[in-house]
Protein backbone atom coordinates (compact mmCIF):
# COMPACT_ATOMS: atom_id res chain seq x y z
CA LEU A 1 37.36 -45.88 26.28
CA VAL A 2 36.93 -43.63 29.30
CA GLY A 3 34.47 -41.43 27.32
CA SER A 4 32.34 -44.42 26.25
CA GLU A 5 32.28 -45.68 29.88
CA MET A 6 31.03 -42.26 31.01
CA CYS A 7 28.32 -42.29 28.29
CA ILE A 8 27.12 -45.80 29.35
CA ARG A 9 27.07 -44.69 33.01
CA ASP A 10 25.10 -41.55 32.12
CA ARG A 11 22.64 -43.54 30.13
CA ASN A 12 22.25 -46.04 32.91
CA GLU A 13 21.61 -43.28 35.46
CA THR A 14 19.11 -41.39 33.24
CA PHE A 15 15.69 -42.87 32.69
CA ILE A 16 13.47 -41.23 30.15
CA THR A 17 9.83 -42.03 30.55
CA PRO A 18 7.28 -42.09 27.73
CA PHE A 19 5.13 -39.63 29.79
CA ASP A 20 5.92 -36.47 31.78
CA ARG A 21 6.94 -37.34 35.33
CA GLU A 22 4.17 -35.00 36.52
CA ASP A 23 1.60 -37.19 34.70
CA ILE A 24 3.12 -40.36 36.14
CA ASN A 25 3.08 -38.82 39.59
CA HIS A 26 -0.48 -37.63 39.26
CA LEU A 27 -1.60 -41.07 37.98
CA SER A 28 0.27 -42.98 40.64
CA ALA A 29 -0.96 -40.73 43.44
CA THR A 30 -4.61 -41.14 42.39
CA MET A 31 -4.17 -44.95 42.05
CA ASP A 32 -2.77 -44.85 45.53
CA ASP A 33 -5.95 -43.08 46.67
CA VAL A 34 -7.94 -46.07 45.38
CA THR A 35 -5.93 -48.57 47.37
CA ASP A 36 -6.01 -46.27 50.47
CA LEU A 37 -9.73 -46.13 50.33
CA ILE A 38 -10.12 -49.83 49.93
CA ASN A 39 -7.73 -50.34 52.91
CA SER A 40 -9.73 -47.67 54.91
CA CYS A 41 -12.93 -49.58 54.30
CA ALA A 42 -11.42 -52.91 55.45
CA LYS A 43 -10.10 -51.19 58.60
CA ARG A 44 -13.46 -49.69 59.32
CA ILE A 45 -15.22 -53.04 59.06
CA MET A 46 -12.64 -54.54 61.55
CA LEU A 47 -12.83 -51.65 63.94
CA TYR A 48 -16.58 -51.10 63.87
CA SER A 49 -17.74 -54.75 63.67
CA PRO A 50 -21.21 -53.93 62.32
CA LYS A 51 -24.04 -56.23 63.26
CA VAL A 52 -24.87 -57.03 59.68
CA MET A 53 -23.25 -55.99 56.39
CA PRO A 54 -26.02 -54.90 53.92
CA GLU A 55 -26.30 -56.29 50.46
CA ALA A 56 -25.34 -52.85 49.13
CA ALA A 57 -21.87 -53.39 50.69
CA THR A 58 -21.40 -56.50 48.62
CA ARG A 59 -22.55 -54.71 45.45
CA LEU A 60 -20.26 -51.76 46.08
CA ALA A 61 -17.31 -54.13 46.75
CA MET A 62 -18.08 -55.86 43.50
CA PHE A 63 -18.01 -52.48 41.68
CA VAL A 64 -14.62 -51.75 43.37
CA ARG A 65 -13.35 -55.08 42.20
CA GLU A 66 -14.64 -54.53 38.61
CA SER A 67 -13.08 -51.01 38.58
CA ALA A 68 -9.76 -52.50 39.68
CA GLY A 69 -9.86 -54.91 36.70
CA PHE A 70 -10.48 -52.04 34.26
CA LEU A 71 -7.67 -50.08 35.80
CA VAL A 72 -5.26 -53.00 35.42
CA GLN A 73 -6.28 -53.34 31.77
CA ALA A 74 -5.93 -49.62 31.07
CA ILE A 75 -2.58 -49.45 32.64
CA ASP A 76 -1.34 -52.53 30.76
CA GLU A 77 -2.24 -50.72 27.52
CA LEU A 78 -0.35 -47.52 28.21
CA ASP A 79 2.77 -48.90 26.57
CA ILE A 80 1.01 -48.84 23.27
CA LEU A 81 -0.75 -45.56 23.81
CA LYS A 82 0.66 -43.98 20.64
CA LYS A 83 -0.39 -46.84 18.52
CA SER A 84 -3.95 -47.50 19.69
CA THR A 85 -6.16 -45.84 22.21
CA THR A 86 -9.43 -47.74 21.50
CA LYS A 87 -9.19 -50.22 24.26
CA ILE A 88 -7.80 -47.75 26.82
CA LYS A 89 -10.73 -45.34 26.17
CA GLU A 90 -13.29 -48.18 26.54
CA TYR A 91 -11.74 -49.20 29.92
CA CYS A 92 -11.83 -45.58 31.11
CA GLU A 93 -15.41 -45.22 30.01
CA GLN A 94 -16.32 -48.33 31.96
CA LEU A 95 -14.89 -46.75 35.05
CA GLY A 96 -17.33 -43.91 34.64
CA VAL A 97 -20.26 -46.31 34.18
CA ILE A 98 -19.33 -48.29 37.22
CA GLU A 99 -18.97 -45.01 39.32
CA LYS A 100 -22.52 -43.99 38.34
CA LYS A 101 -23.94 -47.43 39.30
CA ALA A 102 -22.04 -47.21 42.58
CA ASP A 103 -23.50 -43.80 43.29
CA ASP A 104 -26.97 -45.22 42.67
CA VAL A 105 -26.44 -48.16 45.05
CA TYR A 106 -25.04 -45.95 47.67
CA GLU A 107 -27.87 -43.44 47.41
CA HIS A 108 -30.51 -46.15 47.59
CA PHE A 109 -28.64 -47.69 50.58
CA LEU A 110 -28.71 -44.37 52.43
CA ILE A 111 -32.41 -43.98 51.81
CA ASP A 112 -33.04 -47.52 53.14
CA LEU A 113 -30.62 -47.06 56.08
CA PHE A 114 -32.22 -43.82 57.31
CA GLU A 115 -35.75 -45.23 56.84
CA ASN A 116 -35.27 -48.58 58.48
CA GLU A 117 -32.31 -48.64 60.84
CA THR A 118 -33.28 -47.53 64.37
CA ASP A 119 -29.84 -47.96 66.00
CA ALA A 120 -27.98 -44.66 65.51
CA ILE A 121 -24.57 -46.23 66.10
CA GLU A 122 -25.16 -48.79 63.37
CA VAL A 123 -26.28 -46.01 61.03
CA ILE A 124 -22.94 -44.18 61.60
CA LYS A 125 -20.94 -47.44 61.19
CA LEU A 126 -22.63 -48.58 57.99
CA LYS A 127 -22.79 -45.15 56.39
CA ASP A 128 -19.09 -44.69 56.97
CA ILE A 129 -18.05 -48.13 55.69
CA LEU A 130 -20.12 -47.89 52.51
CA HIS A 131 -19.03 -44.29 51.89
CA GLU A 132 -15.38 -45.42 51.66
CA LEU A 133 -16.40 -48.11 49.08
CA GLU A 134 -18.28 -45.49 47.03
CA ARG A 135 -15.30 -43.10 47.30
CA ALA A 136 -13.02 -45.92 45.96
CA THR A 137 -15.18 -46.01 42.74
CA ASP A 138 -14.95 -42.19 42.52
CA ALA A 139 -11.14 -42.47 42.79
CA SER A 140 -11.07 -45.21 40.17
CA GLU A 141 -13.00 -43.01 37.81
CA ALA A 142 -10.57 -40.14 38.58
CA VAL A 143 -7.68 -42.43 37.44
CA GLY A 144 -9.62 -43.04 34.24
CA LYS A 145 -9.91 -39.29 33.63
CA ILE A 146 -6.20 -38.85 34.18
CA ILE A 147 -5.53 -41.61 31.66
CA LYS A 148 -7.97 -39.97 29.12
CA THR A 149 -6.08 -36.67 29.56
CA MET A 150 -2.82 -38.53 28.87
CA ILE A 151 -4.43 -39.99 25.68
CA VAL A 152 -5.10 -36.55 24.45
CA LYS A 153 -1.65 -35.33 25.42
CA TYR A 154 0.42 -38.24 23.99
CA SER A 155 -1.42 -39.89 21.23
């Protein structure tokens, strides 16, 4: 009985993951980058109090929100990674599509900002705020790339 109790205790203290701990750490750290960038953007809005938030900010925020939805769906599918990768791959591909759209919106925003905004302080504020949103879509795409690497490694 003592031996079986030790075996149960050892089993309860040992957690074997379906993925390497290194992959899990890389995935979670990059996901944390996404949330940190969203939080950073929110803080900048509160600290800077820009006069007007441009329409590009709303569009970028929607891209961040859309990316978050695909991240949730991809993560939810990881438990069946070895059975089917179709949905996960599609979610990861969508993260890349969104990131490219966000780049376009941000680049057009910068062109407009530098051509039309005459208040240098507002230029700095808005550029910084929107840059954080654009970086959040970059980080979301990076999570997708990590997941795609995991697909190759584990499926």
